[in-house]
Amino acid sequence: MSRAALGIVTGSGPEAGLDLWQKLLAANRVALGDGFRGDIDAPSVIALSDPGLGLSMDLAANRDVVWQSLSRCCRKIALQVDCFAIACNTLHAFQPDIEALGLPSRFVSLVDTAVEFVSRRMLTTVALLGADPVARLDEHSPYRRLGEVVDVEVPEQSLQQLIFDIKRSGPNADLRERFRAIVQGLESRTVLLACTELPLVARPVTGKELVDVTDLLAERMAHLAISARGRRESPAAGRAG
């Protein structure tokens, strides 16, 4: 079977890359179904983790240095794979800059994948949970395009402290309860978890559909690899998102 080689850029946080990789393995197994034969049918994956990308939690103050790290990672991994993704929602604020690099491999956008999901489901409203650079939905937010296809609800309180606490201490009962209270306060039934830390504390909430956008990305990458549609074509293909 001809398979596309996949890449994961991570570091914000480093666990997010492991999370995407695990979900990619699961999505690949589901996509192959009865045809899955074990290790030999696992996807070919290269992960590149840069601690400097962790500065994206305060992107306004660190934009230039974060872009230096991210552009270096993208250029490096693009030479080794057919398509790649970034395991961080906030870093997708640089999507236009990444597309402008004209890389030799395809960039698979987490944000594009989430927008396509909402459009495919024909939803009229969704709630968006993420770090401040994401949830503000201003001109710097990677999710600003989501408002073009659906009404977007964001929580009144910032999730920044909750996300920092998850990064520092890992998931625990207190953080799960704080997350649950935030979700219960939302009006929208469908809730997009647009931060790689939030699924770590997410538990089912009655009346809510929690959608982990990393799951959506993993499914898309698995299908790209299997169909070989992630194969390198021209630099223009890399800008297709």
Protein backbone atom coordinates (compact mmCIF):
# COMPACT_ATOMS: atom_id res chain seq x y z
CA MET A 1 0.00 0.00 0.00
CA SER A 2 1.35 3.41 -0.96
CA ARG A 3 1.12 5.60 2.10
CA ALA A 4 1.88 9.25 2.66
CA ALA A 5 4.43 10.08 5.37
CA LEU A 6 2.99 12.32 8.10
CA GLY A 7 4.62 14.99 10.25
CA ILE A 8 3.67 16.53 13.60
CA VAL A 9 5.08 19.86 14.81
CA THR A 10 4.71 20.15 18.58
CA GLY A 11 6.05 21.85 21.68
CA SER A 12 3.07 23.95 22.74
CA GLY A 13 2.82 21.82 24.72
CA PRO A 14 4.96 18.78 23.96
CA GLU A 15 2.21 16.47 25.26
CA ALA A 16 -0.04 17.76 22.49
CA GLY A 17 2.15 16.07 19.90
CA LEU A 18 1.94 12.76 21.74
CA ASP A 19 -1.82 13.20 22.01
CA LEU A 20 -2.20 13.80 18.28
CA TRP A 21 0.05 10.83 17.50
CA GLN A 22 -2.01 8.51 19.71
CA LYS A 23 -5.25 9.72 18.17
CA LEU A 24 -3.75 9.32 14.70
CA LEU A 25 -2.91 5.69 15.47
CA ALA A 26 -6.48 5.09 16.65
CA ALA A 27 -7.99 6.86 13.64
CA ASN A 28 -5.79 4.85 11.28
CA ARG A 29 -6.96 1.59 12.85
CA VAL A 30 -10.62 2.61 12.49
CA ALA A 31 -10.15 3.81 8.91
CA LEU A 32 -8.55 0.52 7.82
CA GLY A 33 -11.18 -1.56 9.62
CA ASP A 34 -10.88 -5.29 9.02
CA GLY A 35 -7.94 -4.61 6.71
CA PHE A 36 -5.72 -3.49 9.60
CA ARG A 37 -2.92 -6.06 10.03
CA GLY A 38 -1.02 -4.57 12.96
CA ASP A 39 2.29 -2.70 13.12
CA ILE A 40 2.96 -2.86 9.39
CA ASP A 41 -0.19 -0.83 8.76
CA ALA A 42 0.61 1.93 11.25
CA PRO A 43 1.18 5.36 9.67
CA SER A 44 4.69 6.63 8.99
CA VAL A 45 5.11 9.58 11.38
CA ILE A 46 7.88 12.06 12.22
CA ALA A 47 7.39 14.39 15.21
CA LEU A 48 9.41 17.55 15.77
CA SER A 49 9.12 19.22 19.18
CA ASP A 50 10.51 22.70 19.93
CA PRO A 51 10.20 24.07 23.50
CA GLY A 52 10.34 27.60 22.11
CA LEU A 53 6.83 27.15 20.77
CA GLY A 54 5.59 27.14 24.37
CA LEU A 55 5.92 30.93 24.35
CA SER A 56 2.73 31.00 22.28
CA MET A 57 0.68 31.09 25.50
CA ASP A 58 1.56 34.81 25.49
CA LEU A 59 1.60 35.23 21.75
CA ALA A 60 1.13 39.01 21.75
CA ALA A 61 4.43 39.47 23.62
CA ASN A 62 6.37 36.73 21.82
CA ARG A 63 5.03 36.73 18.27
CA ASP A 64 8.35 37.27 16.49
CA VAL A 65 10.36 34.69 18.44
CA VAL A 66 7.54 32.13 18.19
CA TRP A 67 7.38 32.60 14.42
CA GLN A 68 11.14 32.12 14.17
CA SER A 69 10.81 28.76 15.95
CA LEU A 70 7.69 27.70 14.08
CA SER A 71 8.95 28.61 10.62
CA ARG A 72 12.20 26.75 11.30
CA CYS A 73 10.24 23.65 12.38
CA CYS A 74 7.93 23.79 9.37
CA ARG A 75 10.79 24.12 6.90
CA LYS A 76 12.66 21.23 8.50
CA ILE A 77 9.77 18.78 8.73
CA ALA A 78 8.44 19.66 5.26
CA LEU A 79 11.60 18.12 3.77
CA GLN A 80 10.94 14.78 5.47
CA VAL A 81 7.20 14.13 5.04
CA ASP A 82 4.38 14.37 2.52
CA CYS A 83 2.03 16.32 4.78
CA PHE A 84 2.27 17.75 8.29
CA ALA A 85 0.14 19.30 11.00
CA ILE A 86 0.74 21.49 14.03
CA ALA A 87 -0.46 20.14 17.38
CA CYS A 88 -1.56 23.50 18.74
CA ASN A 89 -4.60 25.68 18.06
CA THR A 90 -2.98 29.00 18.95
CA LEU A 91 -0.08 28.51 16.53
CA HIS A 92 -2.57 28.41 13.65
CA ALA A 93 -2.59 32.19 13.90
CA PHE A 94 0.47 31.80 11.64
CA GLN A 95 -1.39 29.76 9.00
CA PRO A 96 -1.15 32.50 6.30
CA ASP A 97 2.58 32.82 7.00
CA ILE A 98 3.08 29.05 6.77
CA GLU A 99 1.18 28.89 3.48
CA ALA A 100 3.30 31.76 2.14
CA LEU A 101 6.49 29.72 2.69
CA GLY A 102 5.72 27.56 -0.36
CA LEU A 103 6.85 24.39 1.39
CA PRO A 104 7.37 21.13 -0.54
CA SER A 105 4.82 19.24 1.58
CA ARG A 106 1.17 19.78 2.40
CA PHE A 107 0.14 21.70 5.52
CA VAL A 108 -2.99 20.16 7.06
CA SER A 109 -4.74 22.87 9.04
CA LEU A 110 -6.43 21.99 12.31
CA VAL A 111 -8.61 25.10 12.01
CA ASP A 112 -9.69 24.32 8.44
CA THR A 113 -10.59 20.83 9.60
CA ALA A 114 -12.78 22.22 12.41
CA VAL A 115 -14.51 24.71 10.10
CA GLU A 116 -15.20 21.93 7.59
CA PHE A 117 -16.69 19.80 10.38
CA VAL A 118 -19.07 22.59 11.41
CA SER A 119 -20.09 23.21 7.80
CA ARG A 120 -20.61 19.51 7.10
CA ARG A 121 -22.82 19.15 10.16
CA MET A 122 -24.77 22.26 9.11
CA LEU A 123 -24.63 23.60 12.65
CA THR A 124 -26.09 27.03 13.36
CA THR A 125 -24.26 27.68 16.63
CA VAL A 126 -21.25 26.27 18.47
CA ALA A 127 -19.32 27.13 21.59
CA LEU A 128 -15.57 27.60 21.29
CA LEU A 129 -13.26 26.88 24.22
CA GLY A 130 -9.62 27.84 23.94
CA ALA A 131 -6.78 30.00 25.16
CA ASP A 132 -7.24 33.77 25.01
CA PRO A 133 -5.52 34.22 21.61
CA VAL A 134 -8.06 31.77 20.19
CA ALA A 135 -11.23 32.69 22.10
CA ARG A 136 -11.00 36.44 21.53
CA LEU A 137 -12.00 35.83 17.89
CA ASP A 138 -10.31 39.08 16.87
CA GLU A 139 -8.19 39.61 13.75
CA HIS A 140 -5.34 37.65 15.35
CA SER A 141 -7.42 34.60 16.29
CA PRO A 142 -6.92 31.55 14.06
CA TYR A 143 -10.63 30.78 14.52
CA ARG A 144 -11.97 34.12 13.30
CA ARG A 145 -13.13 32.39 10.08
CA LEU A 146 -15.41 30.15 12.11
CA GLY A 147 -17.75 33.11 12.59
CA GLU A 148 -18.31 33.21 8.84
CA VAL A 149 -20.12 29.86 8.85
CA VAL A 150 -21.75 29.66 12.30
CA ASP A 151 -22.69 31.74 15.34
CA VAL A 152 -19.87 31.30 17.86
CA GLU A 153 -20.37 31.40 21.62
CA VAL A 154 -17.40 31.86 23.94
CA PRO A 155 -17.50 31.64 27.75
CA GLU A 156 -17.62 34.86 29.74
CA GLN A 157 -14.56 33.93 31.78
CA SER A 158 -11.08 33.41 30.35
CA LEU A 159 -9.81 29.81 30.27
CA GLN A 160 -6.19 30.96 30.37
CA GLN A 161 -5.64 30.12 34.05
CA LEU A 162 -7.33 26.74 33.72
CA ILE A 163 -5.07 25.88 30.78
CA PHE A 164 -1.95 27.00 32.68
CA ASP A 165 -3.01 24.85 35.65
CA ILE A 166 -3.49 21.79 33.43
CA LYS A 167 -0.02 22.32 31.95
CA ARG A 168 1.59 22.61 35.38
CA SER A 169 -0.19 19.93 37.40
CA GLY A 170 -1.81 17.65 34.86
CA PRO A 171 -5.46 16.59 35.03
CA ASN A 172 -7.06 16.21 38.46
CA ALA A 173 -10.54 16.23 40.00
CA ASP A 174 -10.51 19.97 40.75
CA LEU A 175 -9.60 20.91 37.18
CA ARG A 176 -12.23 18.54 35.78
CA GLU A 177 -14.88 20.19 37.95
CA ARG A 178 -13.81 23.67 36.85
CA PHE A 179 -14.04 22.55 33.22
CA ARG A 180 -17.48 20.97 33.76
CA ALA A 181 -18.83 24.17 35.36
CA ILE A 182 -17.68 26.22 32.36
CA VAL A 183 -19.35 23.85 29.88
CA GLN A 184 -22.59 23.78 31.88
CA GLY A 185 -22.74 27.57 31.67
CA LEU A 186 -22.79 27.52 27.86
CA GLU A 187 -25.99 27.74 25.82
CA SER A 188 -24.69 25.91 22.74
CA ARG A 189 -25.10 22.15 22.57
CA THR A 190 -21.98 21.56 20.46
CA VAL A 191 -18.73 22.59 22.17
CA LEU A 192 -15.44 22.72 20.26
CA LEU A 193 -12.41 22.01 22.44
CA ALA A 194 -9.92 24.24 20.65
CA CYS A 195 -7.04 23.75 23.05
CA THR A 196 -4.99 20.57 23.32
CA GLU A 197 -5.03 20.69 27.15
CA LEU A 198 -8.81 20.76 27.56
CA PRO A 199 -9.51 17.16 26.44
CA LEU A 200 -7.27 16.04 29.32
CA VAL A 201 -9.88 17.24 31.83
CA ALA A 202 -13.01 16.81 29.70
CA ARG A 203 -15.70 14.44 30.85
CA PRO A 204 -19.21 13.94 29.39
CA VAL A 205 -21.63 16.74 30.30
CA THR A 206 -25.35 16.10 30.03
CA GLY A 207 -26.88 17.87 27.05
CA LYS A 208 -23.53 18.81 25.51
CA GLU A 209 -21.56 17.35 22.61
CA LEU A 210 -17.86 17.87 23.29
CA VAL A 211 -15.85 17.86 20.05
CA ASP A 212 -12.08 17.51 20.37
CA VAL A 213 -10.71 19.22 17.27
CA THR A 214 -7.52 17.13 17.58
CA ASP A 215 -9.67 14.04 16.98
CA LEU A 216 -10.97 15.65 13.79
CA LEU A 217 -7.42 16.42 12.66
CA ALA A 218 -6.24 12.88 13.41
CA GLU A 219 -9.08 11.41 11.34
CA ARG A 220 -8.26 13.69 8.42
CA MET A 221 -4.56 12.88 8.49
CA ALA A 222 -5.24 9.14 8.72
CA HIS A 223 -7.42 9.27 5.62
CA LEU A 224 -4.89 11.41 3.76
CA ALA A 225 -2.19 8.86 4.48
CA ILE A 226 -4.29 5.87 3.48
CA SER A 227 -5.53 7.40 0.27
CA ALA A 228 -2.05 8.82 -0.46
CA ARG A 229 -3.74 12.17 -1.13
CA GLY A 230 -1.18 13.60 1.25
CA ARG A 231 1.60 12.85 -1.21
CA ARG A 232 3.90 15.68 -2.16
CA GLU A 233 2.88 17.40 -5.34
CA SER A 234 3.92 20.97 -5.97
CA PRO A 235 4.50 23.88 -3.58
CA ALA A 236 0.97 25.01 -4.47
CA ALA A 237 -0.39 21.77 -3.03
CA GLY A 238 1.22 22.65 0.27
CA ARG A 239 -0.85 25.84 0.37
CA ALA A 240 -4.10 23.99 -0.13
CA GLY A 241 -4.50 23.52 3.64
